[in-house]
Amino acid sequence: MTLTRKIANSCGIIAISASSIACGSGGGSSTNNKISQPNQTQPKTPTQTSTPSCIELNLTQITPLNTTETPADFLGPLYGNSFSELVVEIDYDTRMPPSQRVIDDFKQKISQISRIPQINFKTYQIVDAQNNPAKIHCNYQEVSGSELEKTATLVRKENTVFPTSTLNGTLTLQVLYLEEQMTDMIVRGRKFGGYTFGNSAFAVLDATSRNESELVGILTHHFGHVIGQVDRGTPITSAHQTLDGSHHCITPACIMNDVAVPGAGDFCTPCKNDLYNNGGK
């Protein structure tokens, strides 16, 4: 399947090439990295080794996407809306997408929690008008969390396959998979692995400097926030939340602990109890 997306902006056109990775119950997979460019008869695969250009998006008129998903929707039909498929849309500007191992391991983590029967992944590489890998922003140190949310909104709205969060029984989880760190995500000298916004989206930050286990941990942690952890829409069944309002778990080895080594843990028993109580496995 060949998919094409383009974003109009003050610096020209961003074209986003797409890979379709089927990770449903059948276990099959397929990829396609071709992109259709104007006045080209032969699509060209983006060069993975070139230095990425940068494209500054005009975000002044963008309102963050107001989606209506609930944590229970992502956990399954017991207490949420009934969806036959969860699509994880990964929009990456890191020159290379997450590895197949990262995708497979993250899919397994979701399957251990969610009752949605089919989980598929689609990856979209962001390239410039010359079909070279491109960063969404030239300087992430100047990008705030609210601007990142607007970026995700603009990218998602340009996705002609899933223009909204729900379509024909499909629920979409959006992941911005970014090469750089953001200044406001460095707190007390610690670089945060990601940033969750809205009801159905998050960003992975500084992705190229992390190993596969760390990336799976970051993806799982922020998916945990999407499904309401901790006390972020999924009611707690016991007191295990942090008291600073950051929606993290106080259990040291839990994946939802805010100081745990990424990839080193899983959901602890109190977190699992919360998720089960809200319709998860």
Protein backbone atom coordinates (compact mmCIF):
# COMPACT_ATOMS: atom_id res chain seq x y z
CA MET A 1 0.00 0.00 0.00
CA THR A 2 1.40 3.40 -0.95
CA LEU A 3 0.21 6.39 1.04
CA THR A 4 1.07 10.03 0.47
CA ARG A 5 0.68 13.01 2.78
CA LYS A 6 1.69 16.61 2.22
CA ILE A 7 1.66 19.58 4.56
CA ALA A 8 1.53 23.08 3.10
CA ASN A 9 3.58 25.61 5.05
CA SER A 10 5.52 28.81 4.61
CA CYS A 11 8.68 26.96 3.56
CA GLY A 12 7.08 24.81 0.86
CA ILE A 13 5.64 21.32 1.01
CA ILE A 14 6.41 18.57 3.45
CA ALA A 15 5.75 15.15 1.99
CA ILE A 16 5.36 12.29 4.40
CA SER A 17 6.13 8.83 3.09
CA ALA A 18 4.40 5.89 4.64
CA SER A 19 5.28 2.37 5.69
CA SER A 20 2.45 0.01 6.51
CA ILE A 21 3.40 -2.58 9.12
CA ALA A 22 0.64 -5.05 9.82
CA CYS A 23 0.93 -6.36 13.34
CA GLY A 24 -2.54 -7.77 13.84
CA SER A 25 -3.60 -11.14 15.12
CA GLY A 26 -2.40 -12.79 11.92
CA GLY A 27 1.18 -11.73 12.60
CA GLY A 28 1.92 -10.61 9.04
CA SER A 29 3.93 -7.55 8.09
CA SER A 30 4.51 -5.47 5.00
CA THR A 31 6.44 -2.31 4.32
CA ASN A 32 6.46 0.30 1.61
CA ASN A 33 8.61 3.41 1.74
CA LYS A 34 7.73 4.98 -1.60
CA ILE A 35 6.47 8.50 -1.93
CA SER A 36 4.73 10.21 -4.81
CA GLN A 37 6.20 13.58 -5.78
CA PRO A 38 4.76 16.11 -8.26
CA ASN A 39 6.03 15.73 -11.83
CA GLN A 40 7.83 12.50 -11.03
CA THR A 41 7.06 9.25 -12.78
CA GLN A 42 9.26 7.18 -10.49
CA PRO A 43 8.88 7.62 -6.72
CA LYS A 44 12.15 7.92 -4.88
CA THR A 45 12.98 6.34 -1.55
CA PRO A 46 14.29 8.92 0.97
CA THR A 47 18.03 8.74 1.60
CA GLN A 48 18.50 7.49 5.15
CA THR A 49 22.11 8.68 5.56
CA SER A 50 21.74 12.29 4.48
CA THR A 51 21.81 15.14 6.97
CA PRO A 52 18.21 16.12 7.63
CA SER A 53 16.97 19.52 6.58
CA CYS A 54 14.55 21.37 8.80
CA ILE A 55 11.14 22.83 8.14
CA GLU A 56 9.53 25.37 10.43
CA LEU A 57 5.79 24.84 10.52
CA ASN A 58 3.48 27.80 10.83
CA LEU A 59 1.54 26.94 13.99
CA THR A 60 -0.07 30.30 14.69
CA GLN A 61 -3.47 29.31 13.30
CA ILE A 62 -3.44 25.71 14.53
CA THR A 63 -5.79 24.66 17.33
CA PRO A 64 -4.87 21.39 19.05
CA LEU A 65 -7.02 18.50 17.87
CA ASN A 66 -9.96 18.07 20.21
CA THR A 67 -10.43 14.33 20.40
CA THR A 68 -12.96 12.48 22.51
CA GLU A 69 -11.25 9.16 23.23
CA THR A 70 -11.21 7.92 26.79
CA PRO A 71 -8.70 5.60 28.49
CA ALA A 72 -11.41 2.93 28.53
CA ASP A 73 -11.66 3.12 24.71
CA PHE A 74 -8.02 2.03 24.41
CA LEU A 75 -8.52 -0.73 26.99
CA GLY A 76 -11.41 -2.40 25.19
CA PRO A 77 -15.18 -2.70 24.89
CA LEU A 78 -16.06 -3.58 28.49
CA TYR A 79 -16.37 0.05 29.57
CA GLY A 80 -15.28 1.92 26.44
CA ASN A 81 -16.52 2.15 22.87
CA SER A 82 -16.12 -1.01 20.82
CA PHE A 83 -13.30 -0.87 18.25
CA SER A 84 -12.13 -3.73 16.09
CA GLU A 85 -8.70 -2.24 15.43
CA LEU A 86 -6.10 -0.04 17.10
CA VAL A 87 -3.75 1.70 14.66
CA VAL A 88 -0.52 3.07 16.09
CA GLU A 89 0.55 5.88 13.75
CA ILE A 90 4.25 6.74 14.11
CA ASP A 91 5.36 9.99 12.47
CA TYR A 92 9.15 10.09 12.57
CA ASP A 93 11.80 12.68 11.72
CA THR A 94 14.76 10.63 12.89
CA ARG A 95 15.96 9.45 9.46
CA MET A 96 15.23 5.89 10.58
CA PRO A 97 11.93 4.53 11.94
CA PRO A 98 11.72 2.47 15.12
CA SER A 99 13.12 -1.00 14.54
CA GLN A 100 10.89 -4.01 14.00
CA ARG A 101 11.92 -5.29 17.42
CA VAL A 102 10.75 -2.06 19.07
CA ILE A 103 7.44 -2.25 17.21
CA ASP A 104 6.94 -5.93 18.04
CA ASP A 105 7.78 -5.47 21.72
CA PHE A 106 5.55 -2.41 22.04
CA LYS A 107 2.72 -4.27 20.33
CA GLN A 108 3.12 -7.09 22.84
CA LYS A 109 2.96 -4.60 25.72
CA ILE A 110 -0.29 -3.17 24.34
CA SER A 111 -1.73 -6.65 23.81
CA GLN A 112 -1.07 -7.52 27.46
CA ILE A 113 -3.35 -4.65 28.52
CA SER A 114 -5.88 -3.89 25.79
CA ARG A 115 -8.80 -6.04 24.71
CA ILE A 116 -8.94 -4.51 21.22
CA PRO A 117 -8.58 -7.58 18.98
CA GLN A 118 -6.30 -6.20 16.25
CA ILE A 119 -3.27 -3.91 16.59
CA ASN A 120 -1.59 -2.48 13.50
CA PHE A 121 1.28 -0.05 13.03
CA LYS A 122 1.76 2.55 10.29
CA THR A 123 4.96 4.59 10.06
CA TYR A 124 5.32 7.88 8.21
CA GLN A 125 8.68 9.48 7.47
CA ILE A 126 8.74 13.25 7.26
CA VAL A 127 10.73 14.48 4.26
CA ASP A 128 11.22 17.85 2.63
CA ALA A 129 10.18 18.92 -0.87
CA GLN A 130 13.32 17.31 -2.29
CA ASN A 131 12.32 13.99 -0.69
CA ASN A 132 15.15 14.13 1.85
CA PRO A 133 14.64 13.31 5.54
CA ALA A 134 13.57 16.43 7.41
CA LYS A 135 13.13 17.54 10.99
CA ILE A 136 9.73 19.03 11.75
CA HIS A 137 11.35 21.94 13.60
CA CYS A 138 14.76 23.51 13.09
CA ASN A 139 15.38 24.11 16.79
CA TYR A 140 13.57 21.91 19.27
CA GLN A 141 15.07 23.90 22.13
CA GLU A 142 12.64 26.66 21.21
CA VAL A 143 9.60 24.39 20.93
CA SER A 144 7.20 24.20 23.87
CA GLY A 145 4.93 21.35 24.79
CA SER A 146 1.87 23.23 23.52
CA GLU A 147 3.59 23.84 20.18
CA LEU A 148 4.44 20.16 19.98
CA GLU A 149 0.76 19.35 20.48
CA LYS A 150 -0.10 21.71 17.61
CA THR A 151 2.52 19.98 15.46
CA ALA A 152 0.92 16.60 16.16
CA THR A 153 -2.47 18.06 15.27
CA LEU A 154 -1.20 19.39 11.94
CA VAL A 155 0.48 16.11 11.05
CA ARG A 156 -2.58 14.05 11.98
CA LYS A 157 -5.03 16.27 10.12
CA GLU A 158 -2.98 15.77 6.97
CA ASN A 159 -3.24 11.99 7.25
CA THR A 160 -5.74 11.14 4.55
CA VAL A 161 -6.17 7.58 5.79
CA PHE A 162 -7.08 8.37 9.39
CA PRO A 163 -8.08 12.05 9.40
CA THR A 164 -9.85 11.65 12.72
CA SER A 165 -9.35 9.40 15.70
CA THR A 166 -12.15 7.01 14.83
CA LEU A 167 -13.00 5.67 11.39
CA ASN A 168 -14.88 2.49 10.57
CA GLY A 169 -14.27 0.90 13.94
CA THR A 170 -10.62 2.02 14.08
CA LEU A 171 -9.03 3.79 17.03
CA THR A 172 -5.80 5.71 16.36
CA LEU A 173 -2.87 6.29 18.71
CA GLN A 174 -0.45 8.89 17.35
CA VAL A 175 3.26 8.90 18.19
CA LEU A 176 5.64 11.69 17.17
CA TYR A 177 9.03 9.96 17.04
CA LEU A 178 11.54 12.79 17.21
CA GLU A 179 15.30 13.03 16.90
CA GLU A 180 15.95 15.84 19.37
CA GLN A 181 15.25 16.78 22.97
CA MET A 182 13.19 19.81 24.01
CA THR A 183 14.50 22.28 26.56
CA ASP A 184 11.32 22.37 28.63
CA MET A 185 11.48 18.58 28.88
CA ILE A 186 14.81 18.77 30.74
CA VAL A 187 13.89 19.03 34.41
CA ARG A 188 16.44 19.04 37.22
CA GLY A 189 19.08 17.88 34.77
CA ARG A 190 17.05 14.88 33.62
CA LYS A 191 16.04 14.43 30.01
CA PHE A 192 12.47 13.21 29.78
CA GLY A 193 11.90 10.40 27.32
CA GLY A 194 8.61 11.70 26.02
CA TYR A 195 5.66 14.01 26.34
CA THR A 196 1.96 13.03 26.45
CA PHE A 197 -0.71 15.41 25.23
CA GLY A 198 -4.42 15.17 24.61
CA ASN A 199 -6.31 11.91 24.77
CA SER A 200 -4.57 9.90 22.08
CA ALA A 201 -1.08 11.16 21.30
CA PHE A 202 2.43 11.46 22.68
CA ALA A 203 5.97 12.21 21.54
CA VAL A 204 9.17 10.21 21.97
CA LEU A 205 12.09 12.60 22.40
CA ASP A 206 15.80 12.20 21.62
CA ALA A 207 15.00 8.85 19.99
CA THR A 208 18.29 8.34 18.16
CA SER A 209 20.34 8.32 21.36
CA ARG A 210 18.34 5.53 23.01
CA ASN A 211 18.64 1.77 22.75
CA GLU A 212 15.73 -0.50 21.85
CA SER A 213 14.85 -1.42 25.43
CA GLU A 214 14.71 2.24 26.41
CA LEU A 215 12.48 3.04 23.45
CA VAL A 216 10.05 0.24 24.31
CA GLY A 217 9.98 1.52 27.88
CA ILE A 218 9.27 5.10 26.79
CA LEU A 219 6.54 4.00 24.39
CA THR A 220 4.92 1.82 27.06
CA HIS A 221 5.19 4.52 29.74
CA HIS A 222 3.45 7.14 27.63
CA PHE A 223 0.86 4.69 26.38
CA GLY A 224 0.24 4.18 30.09
CA HIS A 225 -0.63 7.86 30.37
CA VAL A 226 -2.98 7.58 27.37
CA ILE A 227 -4.84 4.72 29.07
CA GLY A 228 -5.26 6.82 32.18
CA GLN A 229 -2.28 6.08 34.38
CA VAL A 230 -1.82 7.09 37.06
CA ASP A 231 -5.14 8.68 38.07
CA ARG A 232 -5.21 10.36 34.62
CA GLY A 233 -8.67 9.14 33.65
CA THR A 234 -8.49 5.57 34.93
CA PRO A 235 -9.67 5.57 38.56
CA ILE A 236 -7.16 4.26 41.08
CA THR A 237 -8.13 1.26 43.18
CA SER A 238 -5.48 1.95 45.83
CA ALA A 239 -3.20 4.85 46.74
CA HIS A 240 -0.10 4.49 44.58
CA GLN A 241 -0.04 7.80 42.71
CA THR A 242 2.55 10.53 43.20
CA LEU A 243 1.31 13.57 45.09
CA ASP A 244 2.73 16.19 42.73
CA GLY A 245 -0.01 15.80 40.14
CA SER A 246 2.34 14.32 37.52
CA HIS A 247 0.29 11.09 37.19
CA HIS A 248 3.11 8.71 38.03
CA CYS A 249 3.37 5.66 40.29
CA ILE A 250 5.30 5.49 43.53
CA THR A 251 6.21 1.80 43.06
CA PRO A 252 9.98 1.89 42.34
CA ALA A 253 10.12 -0.80 39.63
CA CYS A 254 6.87 0.18 37.88
CA ILE A 255 7.02 1.38 34.30
CA MET A 256 4.86 4.32 35.41
CA ASN A 257 7.41 5.49 37.99
CA ASP A 258 8.89 8.78 36.80
CA VAL A 259 12.45 7.93 37.82
CA ALA A 260 12.58 4.29 36.74
CA VAL A 261 15.18 3.29 34.16
CA PRO A 262 13.28 3.21 30.83
CA GLY A 263 12.58 -0.32 29.75
CA ALA A 264 13.50 -1.77 33.14
CA GLY A 265 10.01 -2.47 34.40
CA ASP A 266 6.43 -3.39 33.67
CA PHE A 267 3.12 -2.21 35.07
CA CYS A 268 3.08 -2.96 38.80
CA THR A 269 0.21 -4.80 40.49
CA PRO A 270 -1.62 -1.62 41.64
CA CYS A 271 -1.45 -0.22 38.09
CA LYS A 272 -2.66 -3.50 36.61
CA ASN A 273 -5.54 -3.54 39.10
CA ASP A 274 -6.53 -0.02 38.01
CA LEU A 275 -6.46 -0.98 34.33
CA TYR A 276 -8.41 -4.20 34.90
CA ASN A 277 -11.01 -2.26 36.84
CA ASN A 278 -11.40 0.09 33.85
CA GLY A 279 -11.88 -2.70 31.29
CA GLY A 280 -8.32 -3.84 30.55
CA LYS A 281 -6.92 -7.35 30.78
